[in-house]
Amino acid sequence: MRQLRTVERPGPSEDMLKRIKSWARSLKRDVVALWIAARSPRTPMAAKIIAGAVAAYALSPIDLIPDFIPILGYLDDIVVVPLGIALAVRLIPAALMAEFRAEAVSTARPVNTAMATVIVILWLGAFVIVAAWLWRNVR
């Protein structure tokens, strides 16, 4: 009698996990590509501004909304950054974006400390405003 060999296929959750990982890798590459696009003289000005803003925020080591805040902390990482990337990519001509993506593969991921500084200043300002309000109203 012949035995049947079964071939194990990845389950739906494994397949979805692979797709999510692939999507995340492409987002990381696109952030670097947008960083390159923001510095290129061939990029249209509106696309350059949006690409620069998205790349600056995405490459900042500090989030505007910290991840430890439930739901809102990951909202920027899951929704805002991908939507910003999608908008910037739509504004850049396809052939130019393909060049930037190819260059991004061989470019090290930069870190934007200037945006991190802006975020820290915003948080400190918010802290001072809340502290002043509490000082006036709780005393």
Protein backbone atom coordinates (compact mmCIF):
# COMPACT_ATOMS: atom_id res chain seq x y z
CA MET A 1 0.00 0.00 0.00
CA ARG A 2 1.14 3.45 -0.83
CA GLN A 3 1.34 6.11 1.85
CA LEU A 4 0.11 9.58 1.15
CA ARG A 5 2.53 12.39 1.73
CA THR A 6 1.08 15.56 3.05
CA VAL A 7 2.59 18.89 2.31
CA GLU A 8 2.16 21.37 5.11
CA ARG A 9 1.08 24.77 3.99
CA PRO A 10 1.48 27.82 6.09
CA GLY A 11 -1.70 28.62 7.98
CA PRO A 12 -3.63 31.81 7.40
CA SER A 13 -2.02 33.51 10.38
CA GLU A 14 1.51 32.66 9.20
CA ASP A 15 0.74 33.95 5.71
CA MET A 16 -0.70 37.17 7.11
CA LEU A 17 2.35 37.62 9.36
CA LYS A 18 4.64 37.31 6.32
CA ARG A 19 2.59 39.93 4.47
CA ILE A 20 2.73 42.31 7.44
CA LYS A 21 6.50 41.87 7.77
CA SER A 22 6.92 42.53 4.05
CA TRP A 23 4.73 45.64 4.31
CA ALA A 24 6.76 46.91 7.30
CA ARG A 25 10.04 46.39 5.39
CA SER A 26 8.67 48.34 2.42
CA LEU A 27 7.57 51.17 4.74
CA LYS A 28 11.06 51.36 6.25
CA ARG A 29 12.58 51.48 2.78
CA ASP A 30 10.08 54.14 1.67
CA VAL A 31 10.90 56.34 4.67
CA VAL A 32 14.56 56.36 3.66
CA ALA A 33 13.52 56.93 0.02
CA LEU A 34 11.44 59.93 1.11
CA TRP A 35 14.39 61.26 3.10
CA ILE A 36 16.43 61.04 -0.14
CA ALA A 37 13.57 62.58 -2.16
CA ALA A 38 13.30 65.55 0.21
CA ARG A 39 16.93 66.41 -0.56
CA SER A 40 16.75 65.89 -4.31
CA PRO A 41 16.44 68.95 -6.56
CA ARG A 42 14.39 66.81 -9.01
CA THR A 43 11.54 66.34 -6.51
CA PRO A 44 8.57 68.72 -6.93
CA MET A 45 8.39 71.30 -4.11
CA ALA A 46 5.06 70.13 -2.58
CA ALA A 47 6.29 66.54 -2.57
CA LYS A 48 9.63 67.66 -1.12
CA ILE A 49 7.91 69.41 1.81
CA ILE A 50 5.61 66.50 2.62
CA ALA A 51 8.35 63.89 2.09
CA GLY A 52 10.67 65.86 4.36
CA ALA A 53 8.05 66.20 7.10
CA VAL A 54 7.07 62.52 6.97
CA ALA A 55 10.68 61.33 6.89
CA ALA A 56 11.67 63.69 9.71
CA TYR A 57 8.87 62.40 11.93
CA ALA A 58 9.34 58.73 11.02
CA LEU A 59 13.11 58.88 11.52
CA SER A 60 12.87 60.69 14.85
CA PRO A 61 13.94 58.50 17.76
CA ILE A 62 11.12 60.01 19.87
CA ASP A 63 7.41 59.76 19.02
CA LEU A 64 5.09 62.72 19.41
CA ILE A 65 2.67 60.37 21.18
CA PRO A 66 4.71 57.89 23.28
CA ASP A 67 3.97 54.22 22.66
CA PHE A 68 3.14 53.56 26.32
CA ILE A 69 -0.07 55.61 25.98
CA PRO A 70 -2.77 53.00 25.25
CA ILE A 71 -4.09 52.96 21.67
CA LEU A 72 -2.95 56.51 20.80
CA GLY A 73 0.71 55.56 21.25
CA TYR A 74 0.65 53.16 18.33
CA LEU A 75 -1.88 55.11 16.28
CA ASP A 76 0.80 57.32 14.74
CA ASP A 77 2.98 54.31 13.89
CA ILE A 78 0.14 52.29 12.39
CA VAL A 79 -2.01 54.97 10.74
CA VAL A 80 -0.46 58.44 10.53
CA VAL A 81 3.02 57.51 9.26
CA PRO A 82 1.79 55.08 6.55
CA LEU A 83 -0.79 57.63 5.36
CA GLY A 84 1.88 60.32 5.21
CA ILE A 85 4.16 57.98 3.28
CA ALA A 86 1.35 57.14 0.85
CA LEU A 87 0.59 60.83 0.26
CA ALA A 88 4.24 61.73 -0.31
CA VAL A 89 4.78 58.78 -2.66
CA ARG A 90 1.73 59.83 -4.72
CA LEU A 91 3.19 63.32 -5.18
CA ILE A 92 6.56 62.05 -6.44
CA PRO A 93 6.73 60.90 -10.08
CA ALA A 94 6.85 57.07 -10.26
CA ALA A 95 10.16 56.87 -12.15
CA LEU A 96 11.81 59.21 -9.65
CA MET A 97 10.39 57.29 -6.68
CA ALA A 98 11.74 54.03 -8.17
CA GLU A 99 15.23 55.60 -8.25
CA PHE A 100 14.91 56.79 -4.65
CA ARG A 101 13.72 53.33 -3.52
CA ALA A 102 16.68 51.67 -5.25
CA GLU A 103 19.06 54.11 -3.56
CA ALA A 104 17.33 53.60 -0.20
CA VAL A 105 18.11 49.87 -0.24
CA SER A 106 21.84 50.61 -0.07
CA THR A 107 21.59 53.63 2.26
CA ALA A 108 21.87 53.32 6.03
CA ARG A 109 18.77 54.42 7.93
CA PRO A 110 19.39 57.99 9.16
CA VAL A 111 18.23 59.29 12.54
CA ASN A 112 16.62 62.70 12.81
CA THR A 113 17.70 64.25 16.10
CA ALA A 114 16.35 67.68 15.12
CA MET A 115 12.79 66.34 15.06
CA ALA A 116 13.42 64.56 18.36
CA THR A 117 14.45 67.92 19.82
CA VAL A 118 11.27 69.57 18.52
CA ILE A 119 9.16 66.81 20.09
CA VAL A 120 10.95 67.14 23.44
CA ILE A 121 10.36 70.92 23.36
CA LEU A 122 6.65 70.36 22.61
CA TRP A 123 6.34 67.93 25.53
CA LEU A 124 8.18 70.31 27.88
CA GLY A 125 5.95 73.18 26.78
CA ALA A 126 2.84 71.08 27.42
CA PHE A 127 4.21 70.13 30.85
CA VAL A 128 4.82 73.80 31.75
CA ILE A 129 1.30 74.78 30.62
CA VAL A 130 -0.32 71.98 32.65
CA ALA A 131 1.85 72.76 35.68
CA ALA A 132 0.94 76.48 35.51
CA TRP A 133 -2.77 75.64 35.19
CA LEU A 134 -2.58 73.27 38.14
CA TRP A 135 -0.68 75.86 40.22
CA ARG A 136 -3.39 78.48 39.61
CA ASN A 137 -6.44 76.25 39.97
CA VAL A 138 -5.53 73.64 42.59
CA ARG A 139 -3.91 75.83 45.25
